[in-house]
Amino acid sequence: MPVEASAFRGEHVDLTLATREVDGTTIVAVGGEIDVYTAPKLRDKITELVAAGVYHLVIDMEAVEFLDSTGLGVLVGGLKKVRAHDGSLQLVCTQDRLLKIFRITGLAKVFVIHDSAEAALANG
């Protein structure tokens, strides 16, 4: 039986992505873990949306259980992609353990972080 990389991390938690559009802004609801194994899935989704002409994104991270540096890199890369088209990438995050990562890395000053998708849309 082949050993999967996830076997070394304990139980494997996949990344789920669900998109919906509200008044010209696309909300990407992310669930699970954003790490070295799953981050490419989020990067590909952001790239696909930007390629389709979607430049205003809200990444809803309320169901994210874990975020590592690879995930942060994908979010920064996504921000650069939409800004190249005068767009925006805002985050929805209320979890202290994730907010702490954004504060420690200084990314809390780079991203606009809201406590709900509705608040992000109102600011959009």
PDB file of N, CA and C in Angstrom:
ATOM      1  N   MET A   1       0.849  -1.185   0.000  1.00  0.00           N
ATOM      2  CA  MET A   1       0.000   0.000   0.000  1.00  0.00           C
ATOM      3  C   MET A   1       0.891   1.245   0.000  1.00  0.00           C
ATOM      4  N   PRO A   2       0.667   2.182  -0.928  1.00  0.00           N
ATOM      5  CA  PRO A   2       1.513   3.386  -0.976  1.00  0.00           C
ATOM      6  C   PRO A   2       1.258   4.292   0.232  1.00  0.00           C
ATOM      7  N   VAL A   3       2.307   4.937   0.670  1.00  0.00           N
ATOM      8  CA  VAL A   3       2.188   5.863   1.796  1.00  0.00           C
ATOM      9  C   VAL A   3       1.959   7.257   1.229  1.00  0.00           C
ATOM     10  N   GLU A   4       0.866   7.863   1.638  1.00  0.00           N
ATOM     11  CA  GLU A   4       0.575   9.226   1.179  1.00  0.00           C
ATOM     12  C   GLU A   4       1.300  10.218   2.073  1.00  0.00           C
ATOM     13  N   ALA A   5       1.630  11.357   1.509  1.00  0.00           N
ATOM     14  CA  ALA A   5       2.300  12.394   2.295  1.00  0.00           C
ATOM     15  C   ALA A   5       1.451  12.796   3.495  1.00  0.00           C
ATOM     16  N   SER A   6       0.128  12.776   3.328  1.00  0.00           N
ATOM     17  CA  SER A   6      -0.763  13.187   4.414  1.00  0.00           C
ATOM     18  C   SER A   6      -0.689  12.240   5.599  1.00  0.00           C
ATOM     19  N   ALA A   7      -0.201  11.013   5.382  1.00  0.00           N
ATOM     20  CA  ALA A   7      -0.120  10.048   6.464  1.00  0.00           C
ATOM     21  C   ALA A   7       0.819  10.530   7.569  1.00  0.00           C
ATOM     22  N   PHE A   8       1.773  11.378   7.202  1.00  0.00           N
ATOM     23  CA  PHE A   8       2.716  11.876   8.187  1.00  0.00           C
ATOM     24  C   PHE A   8       2.129  13.015   9.021  1.00  0.00           C
ATOM     25  N   ARG A   9       0.988  13.522   8.627  1.00  0.00           N
ATOM     26  CA  ARG A   9       0.375  14.637   9.337  1.00  0.00           C
ATOM     27  C   ARG A   9      -0.817  14.173  10.148  1.00  0.00           C
ATOM     28  N   GLY A  10      -1.023  12.901  10.253  1.00  0.00           N
ATOM     29  CA  GLY A  10      -2.210  12.425  10.944  1.00  0.00           C
ATOM     30  C   GLY A  10      -3.353  12.331   9.954  1.00  0.00           C
ATOM     31  N   GLU A  11      -4.542  12.613  10.405  1.00  0.00           N
ATOM     32  CA  GLU A  11      -5.713  12.515   9.538  1.00  0.00           C
ATOM     33  C   GLU A  11      -5.662  13.577   8.447  1.00  0.00           C
ATOM     34  N   HIS A  12      -5.911  13.158   7.217  1.00  0.00           N
ATOM     35  CA  HIS A  12      -5.854  14.084   6.086  1.00  0.00           C
ATOM     36  C   HIS A  12      -7.146  14.900   6.020  1.00  0.00           C
ATOM     37  N   VAL A  13      -6.998  16.196   5.952  1.00  0.00           N
ATOM     38  CA  VAL A  13      -8.144  17.086   5.787  1.00  0.00           C
ATOM     39  C   VAL A  13      -7.986  17.783   4.444  1.00  0.00           C
ATOM     40  N   ASP A  14      -8.942  17.595   3.580  1.00  0.00           N
ATOM     41  CA  ASP A  14      -8.861  18.182   2.252  1.00  0.00           C
ATOM     42  C   ASP A  14      -9.301  19.645   2.296  1.00  0.00           C
ATOM     43  N   LEU A  15      -9.082  20.310   1.197  1.00  0.00           N
ATOM     44  CA  LEU A  15      -9.493  21.699   1.062  1.00  0.00           C
ATOM     45  C   LEU A  15     -10.766  21.741   0.235  1.00  0.00           C
ATOM     46  N   THR A  16     -11.773  22.427   0.745  1.00  0.00           N
ATOM     47  CA  THR A  16     -13.004  22.590  -0.022  1.00  0.00           C
ATOM     48  C   THR A  16     -13.110  24.043  -0.470  1.00  0.00           C
ATOM     49  N   LEU A  17     -13.617  24.223  -1.680  1.00  0.00           N
ATOM     50  CA  LEU A  17     -13.801  25.556  -2.242  1.00  0.00           C
ATOM     51  C   LEU A  17     -15.208  25.661  -2.806  1.00  0.00           C
ATOM     52  N   ALA A  18     -15.897  26.724  -2.455  1.00  0.00           N
ATOM     53  CA  ALA A  18     -17.221  26.977  -3.017  1.00  0.00           C
ATOM     54  C   ALA A  18     -17.279  28.453  -3.392  1.00  0.00           C
ATOM     55  N   THR A  19     -17.691  28.742  -4.619  1.00  0.00           N
ATOM     56  CA  THR A  19     -17.746  30.144  -5.044  1.00  0.00           C
ATOM     57  C   THR A  19     -19.177  30.565  -5.293  1.00  0.00           C
ATOM     58  N   ARG A  20     -19.441  31.836  -5.007  1.00  0.00           N
ATOM     59  CA  ARG A  20     -20.735  32.435  -5.333  1.00  0.00           C
ATOM     60  C   ARG A  20     -20.495  33.905  -5.622  1.00  0.00           C
ATOM     61  N   GLU A  21     -21.348  34.461  -6.463  1.00  0.00           N
ATOM     62  CA  GLU A  21     -21.197  35.867  -6.809  1.00  0.00           C
ATOM     63  C   GLU A  21     -22.315  36.678  -6.172  1.00  0.00           C
ATOM     64  N   VAL A  22     -21.941  37.817  -5.599  1.00  0.00           N
ATOM     65  CA  VAL A  22     -22.914  38.736  -5.011  1.00  0.00           C
ATOM     66  C   VAL A  22     -22.562  40.136  -5.477  1.00  0.00           C
ATOM     67  N   ASP A  23     -23.431  40.732  -6.277  1.00  0.00           N
ATOM     68  CA  ASP A  23     -23.261  42.116  -6.734  1.00  0.00           C
ATOM     69  C   ASP A  23     -21.872  42.385  -7.327  1.00  0.00           C
ATOM     70  N   GLY A  24     -21.410  41.507  -8.199  1.00  0.00           N
ATOM     71  CA  GLY A  24     -20.150  41.734  -8.895  1.00  0.00           C
ATOM     72  C   GLY A  24     -18.902  41.332  -8.130  1.00  0.00           C
ATOM     73  N   THR A  25     -19.078  40.837  -6.925  1.00  0.00           N
ATOM     74  CA  THR A  25     -17.945  40.346  -6.128  1.00  0.00           C
ATOM     75  C   THR A  25     -18.097  38.841  -5.982  1.00  0.00           C
ATOM     76  N   THR A  26     -17.014  38.119  -6.169  1.00  0.00           N
ATOM     77  CA  THR A  26     -17.052  36.672  -6.032  1.00  0.00           C
ATOM     78  C   THR A  26     -16.522  36.287  -4.656  1.00  0.00           C
ATOM     79  N   ILE A  27     -17.323  35.519  -3.934  1.00  0.00           N
ATOM     80  CA  ILE A  27     -16.934  35.022  -2.622  1.00  0.00           C
ATOM     81  C   ILE A  27     -16.455  33.585  -2.790  1.00  0.00           C
ATOM     82  N   VAL A  28     -15.255  33.321  -2.320  1.00  0.00           N
ATOM     83  CA  VAL A  28     -14.708  31.967  -2.343  1.00  0.00           C
ATOM     84  C   VAL A  28     -14.683  31.475  -0.892  1.00  0.00           C
ATOM     85  N   ALA A  29     -15.581  30.561  -0.564  1.00  0.00           N
ATOM     86  CA  ALA A  29     -15.622  29.985   0.780  1.00  0.00           C
ATOM     87  C   ALA A  29     -14.643  28.819   0.822  1.00  0.00           C
ATOM     88  N   VAL A  30     -13.689  28.912   1.729  1.00  0.00           N
ATOM     89  CA  VAL A  30     -12.632  27.909   1.838  1.00  0.00           C
ATOM     90  C   VAL A  30     -12.823  27.137   3.135  1.00  0.00           C
ATOM     91  N   GLY A  31     -12.676  25.821   3.049  1.00  0.00           N
ATOM     92  CA  GLY A  31     -12.792  24.986   4.238  1.00  0.00           C
ATOM     93  C   GLY A  31     -11.660  23.986   4.297  1.00  0.00           C
ATOM     94  N   GLY A  32     -11.302  23.575   5.511  1.00  0.00           N
ATOM     95  CA  GLY A  32     -10.252  22.582   5.691  1.00  0.00           C
ATOM     96  C   GLY A  32      -8.917  23.231   5.993  1.00  0.00           C
ATOM     97  N   GLU A  33      -7.867  22.667   5.432  1.00  0.00           N
ATOM     98  CA  GLU A  33      -6.510  23.132   5.693  1.00  0.00           C
ATOM     99  C   GLU A  33      -5.891  23.724   4.428  1.00  0.00           C
ATOM    100  N   ILE A  34      -5.280  24.901   4.577  1.00  0.00           N
ATOM    101  CA  ILE A  34      -4.540  25.503   3.463  1.00  0.00           C
ATOM    102  C   ILE A  34      -3.064  25.314   3.798  1.00  0.00           C
ATOM    103  N   ASP A  35      -2.476  24.281   3.203  1.00  0.00           N
ATOM    104  CA  ASP A  35      -1.081  23.965   3.496  1.00  0.00           C
ATOM    105  C   ASP A  35      -0.345  23.611   2.207  1.00  0.00           C
ATOM    106  N   VAL A  36       0.853  23.101   2.353  1.00  0.00           N
ATOM    107  CA  VAL A  36       1.689  22.809   1.191  1.00  0.00           C
ATOM    108  C   VAL A  36       1.010  21.821   0.234  1.00  0.00           C
ATOM    109  N   TYR A  37       0.136  20.967   0.758  1.00  0.00           N
ATOM    110  CA  TYR A  37      -0.525  19.966  -0.074  1.00  0.00           C
ATOM    111  C   TYR A  37      -1.759  20.513  -0.784  1.00  0.00           C
ATOM    112  N   THR A  38      -2.476  21.413  -0.109  1.00  0.00           N
ATOM    113  CA  THR A  38      -3.765  21.868  -0.643  1.00  0.00           C
ATOM    114  C   THR A  38      -3.734  23.278  -1.233  1.00  0.00           C
ATOM    115  N   ALA A  39      -2.729  24.070  -0.889  1.00  0.00           N
ATOM    116  CA  ALA A  39      -2.668  25.461  -1.356  1.00  0.00           C
ATOM    117  C   ALA A  39      -2.741  25.590  -2.880  1.00  0.00           C
ATOM    118  N   PRO A  40      -2.123  24.668  -3.649  1.00  0.00           N
ATOM    119  CA  PRO A  40      -2.225  24.804  -5.112  1.00  0.00           C
ATOM    120  C   PRO A  40      -3.674  24.798  -5.615  1.00  0.00           C
ATOM    121  N   LYS A  41      -4.553  24.113  -4.918  1.00  0.00           N
ATOM    122  CA  LYS A  41      -5.967  24.075  -5.312  1.00  0.00           C
ATOM    123  C   LYS A  41      -6.579  25.484  -5.194  1.00  0.00           C
ATOM    124  N   LEU A  42      -6.258  26.189  -4.115  1.00  0.00           N
ATOM    125  CA  LEU A  42      -6.749  27.558  -3.935  1.00  0.00           C
ATOM    126  C   LEU A  42      -6.095  28.488  -4.951  1.00  0.00           C
ATOM    127  N   ARG A  43      -4.791  28.341  -5.155  1.00  0.00           N
ATOM    128  CA  ARG A  43      -4.087  29.170  -6.141  1.00  0.00           C
ATOM    129  C   ARG A  43      -4.705  29.000  -7.526  1.00  0.00           C
ATOM    130  N   ASP A  44      -4.976  27.751  -7.898  1.00  0.00           N
ATOM    131  CA  ASP A  44      -5.571  27.488  -9.209  1.00  0.00           C
ATOM    132  C   ASP A  44      -6.952  28.121  -9.336  1.00  0.00           C
ATOM    133  N   LYS A  45      -7.739  28.085  -8.264  1.00  0.00           N
ATOM    134  CA  LYS A  45      -9.083  28.689  -8.281  1.00  0.00           C
ATOM    135  C   LYS A  45      -8.976  30.200  -8.469  1.00  0.00           C
ATOM    136  N   ILE A  46      -8.073  30.845  -7.741  1.00  0.00           N
ATOM    137  CA  ILE A  46      -7.901  32.293  -7.872  1.00  0.00           C
ATOM    138  C   ILE A  46      -7.427  32.638  -9.279  1.00  0.00           C
ATOM    139  N   THR A  47      -6.460  31.876  -9.786  1.00  0.00           N
ATOM    140  CA  THR A  47      -5.938  32.104 -11.145  1.00  0.00           C
ATOM    141  C   THR A  47      -7.048  31.949 -12.177  1.00  0.00           C
ATOM    142  N   GLU A  48      -7.860  30.927 -12.017  1.00  0.00           N
ATOM    143  CA  GLU A  48      -8.979  30.666 -12.938  1.00  0.00           C
ATOM    144  C   GLU A  48      -9.990  31.822 -12.914  1.00  0.00           C
ATOM    145  N   LEU A  49     -10.305  32.318 -11.719  1.00  0.00           N
ATOM    146  CA  LEU A  49     -11.261  33.424 -11.604  1.00  0.00           C
ATOM    147  C   LEU A  49     -10.713  34.693 -12.257  1.00  0.00           C
ATOM    148  N   VAL A  50      -9.440  35.013 -11.985  1.00  0.00           N
ATOM    149  CA  VAL A  50      -8.837  36.215 -12.567  1.00  0.00           C
ATOM    150  C   VAL A  50      -8.778  36.088 -14.091  1.00  0.00           C
ATOM    151  N   ALA A  51      -8.440  34.908 -14.578  1.00  0.00           N
ATOM    152  CA  ALA A  51      -8.392  34.681 -16.030  1.00  0.00           C
ATOM    153  C   ALA A  51      -9.766  34.864 -16.665  1.00  0.00           C
ATOM    154  N   ALA A  52     -10.818  34.619 -15.878  1.00  0.00           N
ATOM    155  CA  ALA A  52     -12.194  34.772 -16.365  1.00  0.00           C
ATOM    156  C   ALA A  52     -12.699  36.204 -16.204  1.00  0.00           C
ATOM    157  N   GLY A  53     -11.817  37.105 -15.730  1.00  0.00           N
ATOM    158  CA  GLY A  53     -12.216  38.501 -15.600  1.00  0.00           C
ATOM    159  C   GLY A  53     -12.808  38.868 -14.257  1.00  0.00           C
ATOM    160  N   VAL A  54     -12.629  38.021 -13.256  1.00  0.00           N
ATOM    161  CA  VAL A  54     -13.127  38.305 -11.903  1.00  0.00           C
ATOM    162  C   VAL A  54     -11.990  38.949 -11.115  1.00  0.00           C
ATOM    163  N   TYR A  55     -12.153  40.229 -10.769  1.00  0.00           N
ATOM    164  CA  TYR A  55     -11.075  40.962 -10.117  1.00  0.00           C
ATOM    165  C   TYR A  55     -11.419  41.427  -8.699  1.00  0.00           C
ATOM    166  N   HIS A  56     -12.616  41.143  -8.245  1.00  0.00           N
ATOM    167  CA  HIS A  56     -13.011  41.510  -6.884  1.00  0.00           C
ATOM    168  C   HIS A  56     -13.396  40.233  -6.148  1.00  0.00           C
ATOM    169  N   LEU A  57     -12.499  39.820  -5.247  1.00  0.00           N
ATOM    170  CA  LEU A  57     -12.661  38.557  -4.545  1.00  0.00           C
ATOM    171  C   LEU A  57     -12.763  38.770  -3.043  1.00  0.00           C
ATOM    172  N   VAL A  58     -13.571  37.938  -2.419  1.00  0.00           N
ATOM    173  CA  VAL A  58     -13.616  37.835  -0.964  1.00  0.00           C
ATOM    174  C   VAL A  58     -13.308  36.376  -0.659  1.00  0.00           C
ATOM    175  N   ILE A  59     -12.246  36.144   0.094  1.00  0.00           N
ATOM    176  CA  ILE A  59     -11.889  34.789   0.498  1.00  0.00           C
ATOM    177  C   ILE A  59     -12.434  34.594   1.911  1.00  0.00           C
ATOM    178  N   ASP A  60     -13.466  33.760   2.028  1.00  0.00           N
ATOM    179  CA  ASP A  60     -14.118  33.493   3.311  1.00  0.00           C
ATOM    180  C   ASP A  60     -13.405  32.320   3.970  1.00  0.00           C
ATOM    181  N   MET A  61     -12.684  32.603   5.049  1.00  0.00           N
ATOM    182  CA  MET A  61     -11.855  31.602   5.712  1.00  0.00           C
ATOM    183  C   MET A  61     -12.460  31.093   7.015  1.00  0.00           C
ATOM    184  N   GLU A  62     -13.754  31.275   7.191  1.00  0.00           N
ATOM    185  CA  GLU A  62     -14.393  30.877   8.448  1.00  0.00           C
ATOM    186  C   GLU A  62     -14.304  29.382   8.729  1.00  0.00           C
ATOM    187  N   ALA A  63     -14.235  28.555   7.680  1.00  0.00           N
ATOM    188  CA  ALA A  63     -14.168  27.100   7.879  1.00  0.00           C
ATOM    189  C   ALA A  63     -12.743  26.556   7.723  1.00  0.00           C
ATOM    190  N   VAL A  64     -11.758  27.453   7.690  1.00  0.00           N
ATOM    191  CA  VAL A  64     -10.363  27.019   7.572  1.00  0.00           C
ATOM    192  C   VAL A  64      -9.863  26.588   8.954  1.00  0.00           C
ATOM    193  N   GLU A  65      -9.308  25.384   9.001  1.00  0.00           N
ATOM    194  CA  GLU A  65      -8.827  24.837  10.260  1.00  0.00           C
ATOM    195  C   GLU A  65      -7.339  25.060  10.464  1.00  0.00           C
ATOM    196  N   PHE A  66      -6.604  25.254   9.365  1.00  0.00           N
ATOM    197  CA  PHE A  66      -5.151  25.384   9.448  1.00  0.00           C
ATOM    198  C   PHE A  66      -4.655  26.193   8.265  1.00  0.00           C
ATOM    199  N   LEU A  67      -3.661  27.036   8.511  1.00  0.00           N
ATOM    200  CA  LEU A  67      -3.078  27.861   7.463  1.00  0.00           C
ATOM    201  C   LEU A  67      -1.575  27.906   7.692  1.00  0.00           C
ATOM    202  N   ASP A  68      -0.781  27.557   6.656  1.00  0.00           N
ATOM    203  CA  ASP A  68       0.667  27.643   6.798  1.00  0.00           C
ATOM    204  C   ASP A  68       1.227  28.690   5.846  1.00  0.00           C
ATOM    205  N   SER A  69       2.551  28.767   5.781  1.00  0.00           N
ATOM    206  CA  SER A  69       3.191  29.804   4.974  1.00  0.00           C
ATOM    207  C   SER A  69       2.882  29.644   3.485  1.00  0.00           C
ATOM    208  N   THR A  70       2.682  28.407   3.044  1.00  0.00           N
ATOM    209  CA  THR A  70       2.326  28.193   1.637  1.00  0.00           C
ATOM    210  C   THR A  70       0.970  28.834   1.349  1.00  0.00           C
ATOM    211  N   GLY A  71       0.035  28.653   2.265  1.00  0.00           N
ATOM    212  CA  GLY A  71      -1.286  29.258   2.122  1.00  0.00           C
ATOM    213  C   GLY A  71      -1.217  30.769   2.123  1.00  0.00           C
ATOM    214  N   LEU A  72      -0.381  31.329   3.001  1.00  0.00           N
ATOM    215  CA  LEU A  72      -0.201  32.785   3.021  1.00  0.00           C
ATOM    216  C   LEU A  72       0.352  33.272   1.690  1.00  0.00           C
ATOM    217  N   GLY A  73       1.294  32.518   1.144  1.00  0.00           N
ATOM    218  CA  GLY A  73       1.879  32.879  -0.145  1.00  0.00           C
ATOM    219  C   GLY A  73       0.849  32.884  -1.256  1.00  0.00           C
ATOM    220  N   VAL A  74      -0.073  31.929  -1.217  1.00  0.00           N
ATOM    221  CA  VAL A  74      -1.135  31.874  -2.228  1.00  0.00           C
ATOM    222  C   VAL A  74      -2.041  33.104  -2.099  1.00  0.00           C
ATOM    223  N   LEU A  75      -2.362  33.484  -0.873  1.00  0.00           N
ATOM    224  CA  LEU A  75      -3.219  34.663  -0.668  1.00  0.00           C
ATOM    225  C   LEU A  75      -2.518  35.937  -1.153  1.00  0.00           C
ATOM    226  N   VAL A  76      -1.227  36.073  -0.848  1.00  0.00           N
ATOM    227  CA  VAL A  76      -0.474  37.246  -1.312  1.00  0.00           C
ATOM    228  C   VAL A  76      -0.402  37.244  -2.839  1.00  0.00           C
ATOM    229  N   GLY A  77      -0.153  36.080  -3.424  1.00  0.00           N
ATOM    230  CA  GLY A  77      -0.114  35.967  -4.881  1.00  0.00           C
ATOM    231  C   GLY A  77      -1.438  36.331  -5.511  1.00  0.00           C
ATOM    232  N   GLY A  78      -2.531  35.908  -4.871  1.00  0.00           N
ATOM    233  CA  GLY A  78      -3.868  36.249  -5.360  1.00  0.00           C
ATOM    234  C   GLY A  78      -4.115  37.745  -5.301  1.00  0.00           C
ATOM    235  N   LEU A  79      -3.663  38.356  -4.221  1.00  0.00           N
ATOM    236  CA  LEU A  79      -3.804  39.807  -4.073  1.00  0.00           C
ATOM    237  C   LEU A  79      -3.060  40.528  -5.197  1.00  0.00           C
ATOM    238  N   LYS A  80      -1.850  40.074  -5.505  1.00  0.00           N
ATOM    239  CA  LYS A  80      -1.070  40.686  -6.591  1.00  0.00           C
ATOM    240  C   LYS A  80      -1.780  40.518  -7.935  1.00  0.00           C
ATOM    241  N   LYS A  81      -2.375  39.335  -8.145  1.00  0.00           N
ATOM    242  CA  LYS A  81      -3.069  39.076  -9.415  1.00  0.00           C
ATOM    243  C   LYS A  81      -4.238  40.034  -9.614  1.00  0.00           C
ATOM    244  N   VAL A  82      -5.072  40.220  -8.583  1.00  0.00           N
ATOM    245  CA  VAL A  82      -6.248  41.093  -8.754  1.00  0.00           C
ATOM    246  C   VAL A  82      -5.847  42.565  -8.783  1.00  0.00           C
ATOM    247  N   ARG A  83      -4.812  42.919  -8.044  1.00  0.00           N
ATOM    248  CA  ARG A  83      -4.366  44.319  -8.055  1.00  0.00           C
ATOM    249  C   ARG A  83      -3.810  44.713  -9.415  1.00  0.00           C
ATOM    250  N   ALA A  84      -3.275  43.753 -10.157  1.00  0.00           N
ATOM    251  CA  ALA A  84      -2.771  44.031 -11.502  1.00  0.00           C
ATOM    252  C   ALA A  84      -3.905  44.477 -12.421  1.00  0.00           C
ATOM    253  N   HIS A  85      -5.146  44.192 -12.008  1.00  0.00           N
ATOM    254  CA  HIS A  85      -6.337  44.583 -12.774  1.00  0.00           C
ATOM    255  C   HIS A  85      -7.175  45.600 -11.991  1.00  0.00           C
ATOM    256  N   ASP A  86      -6.525  46.334 -11.077  1.00  0.00           N
ATOM    257  CA  ASP A  86      -7.217  47.296 -10.206  1.00  0.00           C
ATOM    258  C   ASP A  86      -8.338  46.641  -9.420  1.00  0.00           C
ATOM    259  N   GLY A  87      -8.143  45.390  -9.041  1.00  0.00           N
ATOM    260  CA  GLY A  87      -9.150  44.654  -8.281  1.00  0.00           C
ATOM    261  C   GLY A  87      -8.845  44.650  -6.800  1.00  0.00           C
ATOM    262  N   SER A  88      -9.576  43.801  -6.086  1.00  0.00           N
ATOM    263  CA  SER A  88      -9.397  43.711  -4.637  1.00  0.00           C
ATOM    264  C   SER A  88      -9.532  42.258  -4.199  1.00  0.00           C
ATOM    265  N   LEU A  89      -8.837  41.919  -3.136  1.00  0.00           N
ATOM    266  CA  LEU A  89      -8.966  40.612  -2.505  1.00  0.00           C
ATOM    267  C   LEU A  89      -9.063  40.871  -1.015  1.00  0.00           C
ATOM    268  N   GLN A  90     -10.233  40.612  -0.464  1.00  0.00           N
ATOM    269  CA  GLN A  90     -10.472  40.823   0.955  1.00  0.00           C
ATOM    270  C   GLN A  90     -10.676  39.469   1.617  1.00  0.00           C
ATOM    271  N   LEU A  91     -10.427  39.429   2.913  1.00  0.00           N
ATOM    272  CA  LEU A  91     -10.565  38.185   3.657  1.00  0.00           C
ATOM    273  C   LEU A  91     -11.684  38.290   4.682  1.00  0.00           C
ATOM    274  N   VAL A  92     -12.319  37.150   4.942  1.00  0.00           N
ATOM    275  CA  VAL A  92     -13.253  37.029   6.062  1.00  0.00           C
ATOM    276  C   VAL A  92     -12.609  36.040   7.022  1.00  0.00           C
ATOM    277  N   CYS A  93     -12.320  36.518   8.226  1.00  0.00           N
ATOM    278  CA  CYS A  93     -11.652  35.660   9.206  1.00  0.00           C
ATOM    279  C   CYS A  93     -11.929  36.193  10.607  1.00  0.00           C
ATOM    280  N   THR A  94     -12.461  35.331  11.476  1.00  0.00           N
ATOM    281  CA  THR A  94     -12.695  35.730  12.865  1.00  0.00           C
ATOM    282  C   THR A  94     -11.954  34.829  13.846  1.00  0.00           C
ATOM    283  N   GLN A  95     -11.259  33.822  13.327  1.00  0.00           N
ATOM    284  CA  GLN A  95     -10.589  32.875  14.214  1.00  0.00           C
ATOM    285  C   GLN A  95      -9.279  33.462  14.742  1.00  0.00           C
ATOM    286  N   ASP A  96      -9.164  33.523  16.052  1.00  0.00           N
ATOM    287  CA  ASP A  96      -7.985  34.139  16.664  1.00  0.00           C
ATOM    288  C   ASP A  96      -6.680  33.502  16.211  1.00  0.00           C
ATOM    289  N   ARG A  97      -6.663  32.165  16.094  1.00  0.00           N
ATOM    290  CA  ARG A  97      -5.392  31.508  15.743  1.00  0.00           C
ATOM    291  C   ARG A  97      -4.958  31.881  14.322  1.00  0.00           C
ATOM    292  N   LEU A  98      -5.908  32.126  13.427  1.00  0.00           N
ATOM    293  CA  LEU A  98      -5.548  32.561  12.072  1.00  0.00           C
ATOM    294  C   LEU A  98      -5.216  34.043  12.045  1.00  0.00           C
ATOM    295  N   LEU A  99      -5.994  34.836  12.762  1.00  0.00           N
ATOM    296  CA  LEU A  99      -5.725  36.275  12.802  1.00  0.00           C
ATOM    297  C   LEU A  99      -4.335  36.550  13.377  1.00  0.00           C
ATOM    298  N   LYS A 100      -3.920  35.735  14.343  1.00  0.00           N
ATOM    299  CA  LYS A 100      -2.592  35.877  14.937  1.00  0.00           C
ATOM    300  C   LYS A 100      -1.501  35.687  13.874  1.00  0.00           C
ATOM    301  N   ILE A 101      -1.697  34.733  12.968  1.00  0.00           N
ATOM    302  CA  ILE A 101      -0.729  34.505  11.888  1.00  0.00           C
ATOM    303  C   ILE A 101      -0.620  35.750  11.013  1.00  0.00           C
ATOM    304  N   PHE A 102      -1.763  36.353  10.688  1.00  0.00           N
ATOM    305  CA  PHE A 102      -1.739  37.564   9.858  1.00  0.00           C
ATOM    306  C   PHE A 102      -1.046  38.719  10.591  1.00  0.00           C
ATOM    307  N   ARG A 103      -1.276  38.822  11.912  1.00  0.00           N
ATOM    308  CA  ARG A 103      -0.628  39.891  12.682  1.00  0.00           C
ATOM    309  C   ARG A 103       0.885  39.678  12.769  1.00  0.00           C
ATOM    310  N   ILE A 104       1.305  38.448  13.103  1.00  0.00           N
ATOM    311  CA  ILE A 104       2.728  38.149  13.278  1.00  0.00           C
ATOM    312  C   ILE A 104       3.510  38.390  11.986  1.00  0.00           C
ATOM    313  N   THR A 105       2.917  38.037  10.861  1.00  0.00           N
ATOM    314  CA  THR A 105       3.604  38.181   9.570  1.00  0.00           C
ATOM    315  C   THR A 105       3.509  39.589   8.995  1.00  0.00           C
ATOM    316  N   GLY A 106       2.708  40.435   9.617  1.00  0.00           N
ATOM    317  CA  GLY A 106       2.521  41.789   9.100  1.00  0.00           C
ATOM    318  C   GLY A 106       1.475  41.851   8.000  1.00  0.00           C
ATOM    319  N   LEU A 107       0.891  40.708   7.661  1.00  0.00           N
ATOM    320  CA  LEU A 107      -0.095  40.679   6.575  1.00  0.00           C
ATOM    321  C   LEU A 107      -1.452  41.251   6.986  1.00  0.00           C
ATOM    322  N   ALA A 108      -1.650  41.453   8.279  1.00  0.00           N
ATOM    323  CA  ALA A 108      -2.890  42.100   8.729  1.00  0.00           C
ATOM    324  C   ALA A 108      -2.944  43.539   8.203  1.00  0.00           C
ATOM    325  N   LYS A 109      -1.780  44.101   7.897  1.00  0.00           N
ATOM    326  CA  LYS A 109      -1.723  45.459   7.336  1.00  0.00           C
ATOM    327  C   LYS A 109      -1.862  45.442   5.816  1.00  0.00           C
ATOM    328  N   VAL A 110      -1.646  44.277   5.199  1.00  0.00           N
ATOM    329  CA  VAL A 110      -1.703  44.145   3.746  1.00  0.00           C
ATOM    330  C   VAL A 110      -3.123  43.815   3.291  1.00  0.00           C
ATOM    331  N   PHE A 111      -3.773  42.918   4.028  1.00  0.00           N
ATOM    332  CA  PHE A 111      -5.125  42.489   3.677  1.00  0.00           C
ATOM    333  C   PHE A 111      -6.174  43.251   4.468  1.00  0.00           C
ATOM    334  N   VAL A 112      -7.315  43.477   3.830  1.00  0.00           N
ATOM    335  CA  VAL A 112      -8.483  43.976   4.545  1.00  0.00           C
ATOM    336  C   VAL A 112      -9.203  42.730   5.061  1.00  0.00           C
ATOM    337  N   ILE A 113      -9.311  42.633   6.393  1.00  0.00           N
ATOM    338  CA  ILE A 113      -9.904  41.442   7.012  1.00  0.00           C
ATOM    339  C   ILE A 113     -11.211  41.838   7.688  1.00  0.00           C
ATOM    340  N   HIS A 114     -12.281  41.140   7.303  1.00  0.00           N
ATOM    341  CA  HIS A 114     -13.611  41.417   7.835  1.00  0.00           C
ATOM    342  C   HIS A 114     -14.084  40.280   8.727  1.00  0.00           C
ATOM    343  N   ASP A 115     -15.133  40.561   9.521  1.00  0.00           N
ATOM    344  CA  ASP A 115     -15.665  39.496  10.368  1.00  0.00           C
ATOM    345  C   ASP A 115     -16.859  38.784   9.744  1.00  0.00           C
ATOM    346  N   SER A 116     -17.261  39.200   8.550  1.00  0.00           N
ATOM    347  CA  SER A 116     -18.332  38.489   7.841  1.00  0.00           C
ATOM    348  C   SER A 116     -18.266  38.826   6.350  1.00  0.00           C
ATOM    349  N   ALA A 117     -18.821  37.950   5.540  1.00  0.00           N
ATOM    350  CA  ALA A 117     -18.874  38.199   4.096  1.00  0.00           C
ATOM    351  C   ALA A 117     -19.710  39.444   3.820  1.00  0.00           C
ATOM    352  N   GLU A 118     -20.760  39.646   4.614  1.00  0.00           N
ATOM    353  CA  GLU A 118     -21.623  40.813   4.437  1.00  0.00           C
ATOM    354  C   GLU A 118     -20.837  42.112   4.650  1.00  0.00           C
ATOM    355  N   ALA A 119     -19.982  42.115   5.659  1.00  0.00           N
ATOM    356  CA  ALA A 119     -19.156  43.303   5.934  1.00  0.00           C
ATOM    357  C   ALA A 119     -18.187  43.544   4.777  1.00  0.00           C
ATOM    358  N   ALA A 120     -17.626  42.476   4.228  1.00  0.00           N
ATOM    359  CA  ALA A 120     -16.715  42.622   3.088  1.00  0.00           C
ATOM    360  C   ALA A 120     -17.440  43.171   1.885  1.00  0.00           C
ATOM    361  N   LEU A 121     -18.653  42.702   1.645  1.00  0.00           N
ATOM    362  CA  LEU A 121     -19.434  43.183   0.513  1.00  0.00           C
ATOM    363  C   LEU A 121     -19.821  44.649   0.681  1.00  0.00           C
ATOM    364  N   ALA A 122     -20.124  45.040   1.908  1.00  0.00           N
ATOM    365  CA  ALA A 122     -20.500  46.422   2.176  1.00  0.00           C
ATOM    366  C   ALA A 122     -19.318  47.362   1.923  1.00  0.00           C
ATOM    367  N   ASN A 123     -18.100  46.835   2.154  1.00  0.00           N
ATOM    368  CA  ASN A 123     -16.883  47.614   1.941  1.00  0.00           C
ATOM    369  C   ASN A 123     -16.379  47.547   0.528  1.00  0.00           C
ATOM    370  N   GLY A 124     -16.880  46.528  -0.233  1.00  0.00           N
ATOM    371  CA  GLY A 124     -16.402  46.234  -1.572  1.00  0.00           C
ATOM    372  C   GLY A 124     -16.301  47.411  -2.459  1.00  0.00           C
TER     373      GLY A 124
END
